[in-house]
Amino acid sequence: MVELRIKKVWVDRKVEADDFTRQLLDRLAGRPVEVVDSAEPVRETVRLSSDPVGESKQHLFITAQPSFIRPCPCTPGCLGCGYWTIDLDLNCPFDCSYCILQDYLGLQPLTVAVNREQLRGELEEFIRQGRSGLIRLGTGELADSLALDGLTQNSAFLMDIFRGREKLWLELKSKSGWTQSLRLLAPAENVVLAWSLNPQVVIDYEEKGTASLEERLQAAAEAVRQGHRVGFHFDPIIHYQGWREDYAQVVESIFRRIPLEAIAWVSLGSLRFPPGLLSLARRRFPESQIYEHEFIRSAEGKYRYPRPLRQWLYKEMAGMFAEFGAEGRLYLCMESVEVWQEFLDKIKRGRRNFAFPFPWQC
């Protein structure tokens, strides 16, 4: 995993005097700092680069977010899993060829919100709204949950405000390895440390700057040794010649290290992307072959593998987990009701798949 490289720090004028801003600047000592009135000067700077997206990952913008909690933007027409996102950070220093943030964020620099104490109040209001059942929230949608954690220490802050809230589960999802900040975290029953996984050949070609597969699995094993629950995400699953053997080895590697009872959930999702990403990713990652495949444009506008291929991928992955008695931990990410129903029938769970501890409704 590459070290965090920050060329310049930009500070939103409205948080210049904030205590957390000063802490961040102390931790970033030696980098040039400029105070600005918005993120636009940062965007203008990175726009001049030959690789604006890559350049945006090397500029840090310290600001305040107007709000933090929002429902996960599940693709229209897909069956949602009830996930909620917490947007403490925006953008990611890792550089994955398939990452939709390249297109979605519009040259947003690495962004850290310093008004995180506001999240406590939002969480209290979220609880007062009286939502039923257990609810998952996570920080890994518009950023990697742990990539900036050595700087922000947000994981410790978040665990502190979630600890003991039985109906709310926090997930911290990452492609990083074991970090010093994680080493200091005391486990909480309702906090899951999760890792996105792919075969090493995919990591080598498509997930630049991230931790190796071995480093991620070692991190998950260390988390379990310290008493944490863990989760895993195979999203996106990439189809290529020999994919099945490679993914089967990854699944086997999980269960060589991680006991089934420590795994909260495992998500499966196949490669998908908005039209705007295609030309951008091909330009930025000319060596990548993942876009040289047959795709269909689905009703919501995204490109996907054809439905029969997606169903086969999920069936094969479910079979790999079934060998370890773990098919009940699986759920699908951003898939249609029809694909879900086919998936549930294949793993013989009828109309429900109970991915501990949540019932995923078909």
Protein backbone atom coordinates (compact mmCIF):
# COMPACT_ATOMS: atom_id res chain seq x y z
CA MET A 1 0.00 0.00 0.00
CA VAL A 2 1.43 3.39 -0.99
CA GLU A 3 1.93 6.13 1.58
CA LEU A 4 -0.49 9.03 1.60
CA ARG A 5 0.91 11.74 -0.68
CA ILE A 6 -0.42 15.25 -0.12
CA LYS A 7 1.05 17.98 -2.32
CA LYS A 8 -0.93 20.82 -0.80
CA VAL A 9 -3.46 21.46 1.94
CA TRP A 10 -6.36 23.83 1.33
CA VAL A 11 -8.36 25.18 4.26
CA ASP A 12 -11.90 26.47 3.98
CA ARG A 13 -11.87 29.93 5.55
CA LYS A 14 -14.89 29.17 7.69
CA VAL A 15 -13.03 26.42 9.58
CA GLU A 16 -9.60 28.06 9.71
CA ALA A 17 -9.80 28.62 13.46
CA ASP A 18 -11.36 25.24 14.29
CA ASP A 19 -9.40 23.15 16.82
CA PHE A 20 -9.61 20.03 14.67
CA THR A 21 -8.31 22.00 11.68
CA ARG A 22 -5.25 22.98 13.71
CA GLN A 23 -4.71 19.35 14.74
CA LEU A 24 -4.85 18.23 11.10
CA LEU A 25 -2.41 20.92 10.02
CA ASP A 26 -0.01 19.90 12.77
CA ARG A 27 -0.15 16.31 11.49
CA LEU A 28 0.46 17.60 7.95
CA ALA A 29 3.38 19.84 8.89
CA GLY A 30 5.67 20.65 5.99
CA ARG A 31 2.98 20.77 3.28
CA PRO A 32 2.07 24.13 1.74
CA VAL A 33 -1.24 25.50 3.04
CA GLU A 34 -3.65 27.95 1.42
CA VAL A 35 -6.86 29.37 2.89
CA VAL A 36 -9.74 29.58 0.39
CA ASP A 37 -13.45 30.41 0.37
CA SER A 38 -14.58 27.18 -1.31
CA ALA A 39 -13.32 24.05 -3.05
CA GLU A 40 -13.44 25.71 -6.46
CA PRO A 41 -9.81 27.03 -6.42
CA VAL A 42 -8.68 23.48 -5.66
CA ARG A 43 -10.69 22.10 -8.58
CA GLU A 44 -9.26 24.76 -10.87
CA THR A 45 -5.75 23.76 -9.83
CA VAL A 46 -6.21 20.03 -10.41
CA ARG A 47 -8.08 20.67 -13.67
CA LEU A 48 -4.84 21.97 -15.20
CA SER A 49 -3.09 18.63 -14.63
CA SER A 50 -2.64 16.04 -17.39
CA ASP A 51 -4.48 13.65 -15.05
CA PRO A 52 -6.98 15.78 -13.08
CA VAL A 53 -8.55 12.80 -11.30
CA GLY A 54 -5.18 11.52 -10.13
CA GLU A 55 -4.11 15.03 -9.15
CA SER A 56 -7.27 15.52 -7.07
CA LYS A 57 -6.14 12.62 -4.87
CA GLN A 58 -3.03 14.58 -3.85
CA HIS A 59 -4.74 17.76 -2.64
CA LEU A 60 -6.48 17.86 0.74
CA PHE A 61 -9.38 20.22 1.40
CA ILE A 62 -10.37 20.83 5.04
CA THR A 63 -13.93 22.08 5.38
CA ALA A 64 -17.30 21.63 7.11
CA GLN A 65 -20.10 19.46 5.76
CA PRO A 66 -23.69 20.75 5.97
CA SER A 67 -24.91 17.25 6.94
CA PHE A 68 -23.56 13.71 7.16
CA ILE A 69 -26.23 11.01 7.15
CA ARG A 70 -28.12 10.07 4.00
CA PRO A 71 -29.62 6.90 2.51
CA CYS A 72 -27.28 4.93 0.27
CA PRO A 73 -28.08 5.96 -3.32
CA CYS A 74 -29.17 2.50 -4.45
CA THR A 75 -29.58 2.28 -8.21
CA PRO A 76 -33.22 2.83 -9.29
CA GLY A 77 -34.90 -0.47 -10.05
CA CYS A 78 -32.59 -2.42 -7.75
CA LEU A 79 -33.44 -4.02 -4.44
CA GLY A 80 -31.95 -1.91 -1.67
CA CYS A 81 -30.44 -3.33 1.53
CA GLY A 82 -31.41 -0.40 3.74
CA TYR A 83 -27.88 0.94 4.04
CA TRP A 84 -27.18 4.53 5.15
CA THR A 85 -24.00 6.47 4.47
CA ILE A 86 -21.99 8.83 6.65
CA ASP A 87 -19.97 11.28 4.54
CA LEU A 88 -17.14 12.36 6.83
CA ASP A 89 -14.57 12.16 4.02
CA LEU A 90 -14.92 12.57 0.26
CA ASN A 91 -12.69 11.03 -2.40
CA CYS A 92 -10.02 8.41 -1.91
CA PRO A 93 -6.21 8.32 -2.24
CA PHE A 94 -6.42 4.83 -3.75
CA ASP A 95 -6.85 4.64 -7.52
CA CYS A 96 -9.05 1.79 -8.73
CA SER A 97 -9.79 1.56 -12.44
CA TYR A 98 -13.47 0.76 -11.88
CA CYS A 99 -14.15 3.37 -9.17
CA ILE A 100 -17.20 5.47 -10.07
CA LEU A 101 -15.92 8.33 -7.89
CA GLN A 102 -13.63 9.24 -10.80
CA ASP A 103 -16.76 10.36 -12.64
CA TYR A 104 -19.19 10.99 -9.80
CA LEU A 105 -17.26 13.50 -7.66
CA GLY A 106 -16.27 15.90 -10.43
CA LEU A 107 -12.64 16.59 -9.41
CA GLN A 108 -13.49 16.90 -5.73
CA PRO A 109 -10.17 16.85 -3.84
CA LEU A 110 -9.57 14.63 -0.85
CA THR A 111 -11.97 16.26 1.58
CA VAL A 112 -12.07 16.05 5.36
CA ALA A 113 -14.93 17.50 7.41
CA VAL A 114 -13.87 18.98 10.74
CA ASN A 115 -17.38 19.59 12.11
CA ARG A 116 -17.79 15.93 12.95
CA GLU A 117 -19.25 16.68 16.40
CA GLN A 118 -22.36 17.70 14.47
CA LEU A 119 -22.75 14.03 13.62
CA ARG A 120 -23.65 13.24 17.24
CA GLY A 121 -26.71 15.46 16.99
CA GLU A 122 -27.67 14.06 13.59
CA LEU A 123 -27.44 10.55 14.96
CA GLU A 124 -29.71 11.42 17.89
CA GLU A 125 -32.24 12.91 15.47
CA PHE A 126 -31.91 9.84 13.25
CA ILE A 127 -32.81 7.65 16.24
CA ARG A 128 -35.72 9.89 17.26
CA GLN A 129 -37.29 9.38 13.84
CA GLY A 130 -38.24 5.93 15.09
CA ARG A 131 -37.02 3.67 12.31
CA SER A 132 -37.75 0.04 13.08
CA GLY A 133 -35.33 -2.84 13.11
CA LEU A 134 -31.56 -2.82 12.93
CA ILE A 135 -29.98 -0.22 10.67
CA ARG A 136 -26.52 -0.24 9.10
CA LEU A 137 -24.55 2.93 8.50
CA GLY A 138 -21.10 3.21 6.97
CA THR A 139 -18.47 5.64 5.72
CA GLY A 140 -17.22 3.63 2.75
CA GLU A 141 -19.40 4.92 -0.10
CA LEU A 142 -17.77 8.23 -1.12
CA ALA A 143 -14.40 7.46 0.45
CA ASP A 144 -12.39 4.56 1.80
CA SER A 145 -13.25 4.34 5.51
CA LEU A 146 -9.66 3.91 6.68
CA ALA A 147 -7.38 5.37 3.99
CA LEU A 148 -7.18 8.73 5.79
CA ASP A 149 -7.66 7.34 9.30
CA GLY A 150 -4.05 7.85 10.32
CA LEU A 151 -4.66 11.55 9.75
CA THR A 152 -8.25 11.99 10.96
CA GLN A 153 -8.64 9.15 13.49
CA ASN A 154 -12.29 9.11 12.51
CA SER A 155 -12.61 5.40 13.28
CA ALA A 156 -12.06 6.03 17.01
CA PHE A 157 -14.45 8.99 16.94
CA LEU A 158 -17.17 6.98 15.18
CA MET A 159 -16.83 3.94 17.42
CA ASP A 160 -17.18 6.19 20.43
CA ILE A 161 -20.52 7.61 19.31
CA PHE A 162 -21.89 4.25 18.07
CA ARG A 163 -20.83 2.13 21.02
CA GLY A 164 -23.84 0.82 22.93
CA ARG A 165 -26.44 1.90 20.34
CA GLU A 166 -27.93 -1.55 19.86
CA LYS A 167 -30.16 -0.80 16.87
CA LEU A 168 -27.48 1.01 14.89
CA TRP A 169 -24.59 -0.84 13.29
CA LEU A 170 -21.53 0.94 11.97
CA GLU A 171 -19.42 -0.48 9.15
CA LEU A 172 -15.92 0.75 8.33
CA LYS A 173 -15.04 -0.56 4.85
CA SER A 174 -11.57 -0.41 3.34
CA LYS A 175 -8.92 -1.67 0.94
CA SER A 176 -6.16 -0.80 3.38
CA GLY A 177 -4.20 -3.10 5.66
CA TRP A 178 -3.84 -3.13 9.44
CA THR A 179 -3.20 0.38 10.71
CA GLN A 180 -1.94 1.85 13.95
CA SER A 181 -5.28 3.60 14.43
CA LEU A 182 -7.13 0.25 14.28
CA ARG A 183 -4.71 -1.29 16.74
CA LEU A 184 -5.95 1.13 19.38
CA LEU A 185 -9.68 0.48 18.88
CA ALA A 186 -11.60 -1.40 21.54
CA PRO A 187 -14.19 -3.72 19.91
CA ALA A 188 -17.88 -2.88 19.94
CA GLU A 189 -20.70 -5.37 19.34
CA ASN A 190 -22.34 -3.13 16.77
CA VAL A 191 -19.24 -2.13 14.77
CA VAL A 192 -18.00 -4.18 11.81
CA LEU A 193 -14.57 -3.73 10.24
CA ALA A 194 -14.93 -4.75 6.60
CA TRP A 195 -12.56 -5.31 3.70
CA SER A 196 -13.19 -5.22 -0.03
CA LEU A 197 -11.54 -8.23 -1.61
CA ASN A 198 -10.48 -9.37 -5.06
CA PRO A 199 -7.89 -11.85 -6.34
CA GLN A 200 -4.37 -10.48 -6.28
CA VAL A 201 -4.22 -10.35 -10.08
CA VAL A 202 -7.17 -7.91 -10.02
CA ILE A 203 -5.57 -5.88 -7.24
CA ASP A 204 -2.31 -5.67 -9.22
CA TYR A 205 -3.94 -4.38 -12.39
CA GLU A 206 -7.07 -2.57 -11.21
CA GLU A 207 -6.58 -1.36 -7.60
CA LYS A 208 -3.54 0.89 -7.60
CA GLY A 209 -2.11 1.96 -4.27
CA THR A 210 -4.22 -0.40 -2.18
CA ALA A 211 -3.08 -3.06 0.25
CA SER A 212 -2.36 -6.51 -1.16
CA LEU A 213 -4.85 -9.33 -0.68
CA GLU A 214 -2.58 -10.87 1.92
CA GLU A 215 -2.35 -7.57 3.82
CA ARG A 216 -6.13 -7.20 3.84
CA LEU A 217 -6.70 -10.75 5.04
CA GLN A 218 -4.04 -10.36 7.71
CA ALA A 219 -5.75 -7.15 8.83
CA ALA A 220 -9.11 -8.93 9.08
CA ALA A 221 -7.52 -11.77 11.05
CA GLU A 222 -5.88 -9.31 13.42
CA ALA A 223 -9.21 -7.52 13.88
CA VAL A 224 -10.85 -10.82 14.85
CA ARG A 225 -8.03 -11.60 17.29
CA GLN A 226 -8.73 -8.26 18.95
CA GLY A 227 -12.43 -9.12 19.27
CA HIS A 228 -13.93 -7.26 16.31
CA ARG A 229 -16.60 -8.53 13.95
CA VAL A 230 -15.60 -8.37 10.30
CA GLY A 231 -17.28 -8.24 6.93
CA PHE A 232 -16.17 -8.72 3.34
CA HIS A 233 -17.23 -7.20 0.04
CA PHE A 234 -16.69 -8.82 -3.34
CA ASP A 235 -17.80 -5.79 -5.30
CA PRO A 236 -17.09 -5.59 -8.10
CA ILE A 237 -16.63 -9.21 -9.08
CA ILE A 238 -14.61 -9.12 -12.30
CA HIS A 239 -15.19 -11.78 -14.95
CA TYR A 240 -12.09 -12.97 -16.83
CA GLN A 241 -10.56 -16.25 -17.93
CA GLY A 242 -9.72 -18.21 -14.80
CA TRP A 243 -11.81 -15.98 -12.54
CA ARG A 244 -13.52 -18.86 -10.74
CA GLU A 245 -10.30 -20.52 -9.60
CA ASP A 246 -8.89 -17.20 -8.40
CA TYR A 247 -12.00 -16.22 -6.44
CA ALA A 248 -12.29 -19.70 -4.93
CA GLN A 249 -8.75 -19.32 -3.60
CA VAL A 250 -9.69 -15.98 -2.03
CA VAL A 251 -12.74 -17.50 -0.32
CA GLU A 252 -10.67 -20.42 0.92
CA SER A 253 -8.07 -17.96 2.24
CA ILE A 254 -10.75 -16.18 4.25
CA PHE A 255 -11.78 -19.31 6.10
CA ARG A 256 -8.21 -20.38 6.74
CA ARG A 257 -7.93 -17.24 8.87
CA ILE A 258 -11.40 -16.15 9.93
CA PRO A 259 -13.95 -18.22 11.92
CA LEU A 260 -17.44 -18.15 10.44
CA GLU A 261 -18.99 -16.76 13.62
CA ALA A 262 -16.82 -13.62 13.36
CA ILE A 263 -18.19 -12.71 9.91
CA ALA A 264 -21.17 -10.38 10.01
CA TRP A 265 -21.93 -10.29 6.28
CA VAL A 266 -20.49 -10.67 2.79
CA SER A 267 -21.76 -8.67 -0.17
CA LEU A 268 -21.57 -9.68 -3.82
CA GLY A 269 -21.81 -7.24 -6.72
CA SER A 270 -20.69 -7.49 -10.32
CA LEU A 271 -18.87 -4.84 -12.35
CA ARG A 272 -21.14 -1.94 -13.29
CA PHE A 273 -20.47 1.66 -14.22
CA PRO A 274 -22.16 4.82 -15.52
CA PRO A 275 -21.57 5.80 -19.15
CA GLY A 276 -19.35 8.75 -18.16
CA LEU A 277 -16.80 6.46 -16.57
CA LEU A 278 -16.03 4.41 -19.68
CA SER A 279 -13.93 6.88 -21.68
CA LEU A 280 -12.40 8.35 -18.52
CA ALA A 281 -11.26 4.97 -17.18
CA ARG A 282 -9.96 3.81 -20.55
CA ARG A 283 -7.85 6.96 -20.78
CA ARG A 284 -6.52 6.73 -17.23
CA PHE A 285 -5.96 2.95 -17.23
CA PRO A 286 -4.99 1.98 -20.79
CA GLU A 287 -3.57 -1.35 -19.61
CA SER A 288 -6.87 -2.43 -18.00
CA GLN A 289 -8.87 -5.10 -19.82
CA ILE A 290 -12.02 -5.06 -17.67
CA TYR A 291 -13.92 -2.77 -20.02
CA GLU A 292 -13.23 -5.00 -23.03
CA HIS A 293 -16.22 -7.20 -22.28
CA GLU A 294 -19.81 -7.55 -23.39
CA PHE A 295 -22.01 -5.16 -21.41
CA ILE A 296 -25.65 -4.20 -21.58
CA ARG A 297 -27.08 -0.82 -20.69
CA SER A 298 -29.68 -1.42 -18.03
CA ALA A 299 -32.87 0.55 -17.44
CA GLU A 300 -31.20 2.92 -14.94
CA GLY A 301 -28.50 3.76 -17.49
CA LYS A 302 -25.53 1.87 -16.06
CA TYR A 303 -23.52 -0.65 -18.05
CA ARG A 304 -23.55 -4.16 -16.59
CA TYR A 305 -22.66 -7.71 -17.48
CA PRO A 306 -25.65 -9.42 -19.13
CA ARG A 307 -28.09 -10.82 -16.59
CA PRO A 308 -27.33 -14.54 -17.27
CA LEU A 309 -23.63 -13.89 -16.63
CA ARG A 310 -24.36 -11.99 -13.41
CA GLN A 311 -26.60 -14.78 -12.16
CA TRP A 312 -23.92 -17.36 -12.93
CA LEU A 313 -21.25 -15.32 -11.14
CA TYR A 314 -23.41 -15.08 -8.02
CA LYS A 315 -24.35 -18.76 -8.14
CA GLU A 316 -20.70 -19.78 -8.36
CA MET A 317 -19.69 -17.42 -5.55
CA ALA A 318 -22.53 -18.70 -3.36
CA GLY A 319 -21.31 -22.24 -3.97
CA MET A 320 -17.82 -21.26 -2.82
CA PHE A 321 -19.19 -19.88 0.45
CA ALA A 322 -21.56 -22.81 0.89
CA GLU A 323 -18.54 -25.11 1.13
CA PHE A 324 -17.79 -23.36 4.42
CA GLY A 325 -21.40 -23.11 5.61
CA ALA A 326 -21.41 -19.36 4.98
CA GLU A 327 -24.06 -18.92 2.27
CA GLY A 328 -26.37 -17.40 4.88
CA ARG A 329 -23.99 -14.44 5.27
CA LEU A 330 -24.39 -13.35 1.64
CA TYR A 331 -26.38 -10.54 0.09
CA LEU A 332 -26.34 -8.84 -3.30
CA CYS A 333 -25.47 -5.20 -3.89
CA MET A 334 -27.53 -3.14 -6.34
CA GLU A 335 -29.27 -5.98 -8.11
CA SER A 336 -32.79 -6.36 -9.46
CA VAL A 337 -35.58 -8.25 -7.71
CA GLU A 338 -35.40 -10.89 -10.46
CA VAL A 339 -31.67 -11.52 -9.92
CA TRP A 340 -32.20 -11.58 -6.16
CA GLN A 341 -34.99 -14.15 -6.45
CA GLU A 342 -32.85 -16.38 -8.65
CA PHE A 343 -29.99 -16.03 -6.18
CA LEU A 344 -32.13 -16.90 -3.16
CA ASP A 345 -33.56 -19.94 -4.91
CA LYS A 346 -30.05 -21.15 -5.71
CA ILE A 347 -28.88 -20.96 -2.12
CA LYS A 348 -32.14 -22.59 -0.95
CA ARG A 349 -33.24 -19.86 1.39
CA GLY A 350 -36.73 -19.42 -0.02
CA ARG A 351 -37.98 -15.87 0.07
CA ARG A 352 -35.43 -14.68 2.61
CA ASN A 353 -31.72 -14.83 3.00
CA PHE A 354 -30.75 -14.23 6.62
CA ALA A 355 -27.41 -12.48 6.46
CA PHE A 356 -26.56 -12.16 10.13
CA PRO A 357 -27.99 -10.27 11.84
CA PHE A 358 -30.30 -8.74 9.21
CA PRO A 359 -33.13 -10.29 7.19
CA TRP A 360 -32.65 -9.35 3.54
CA GLN A 361 -36.17 -9.13 2.18
CA CYS A 362 -36.86 -10.54 -1.27
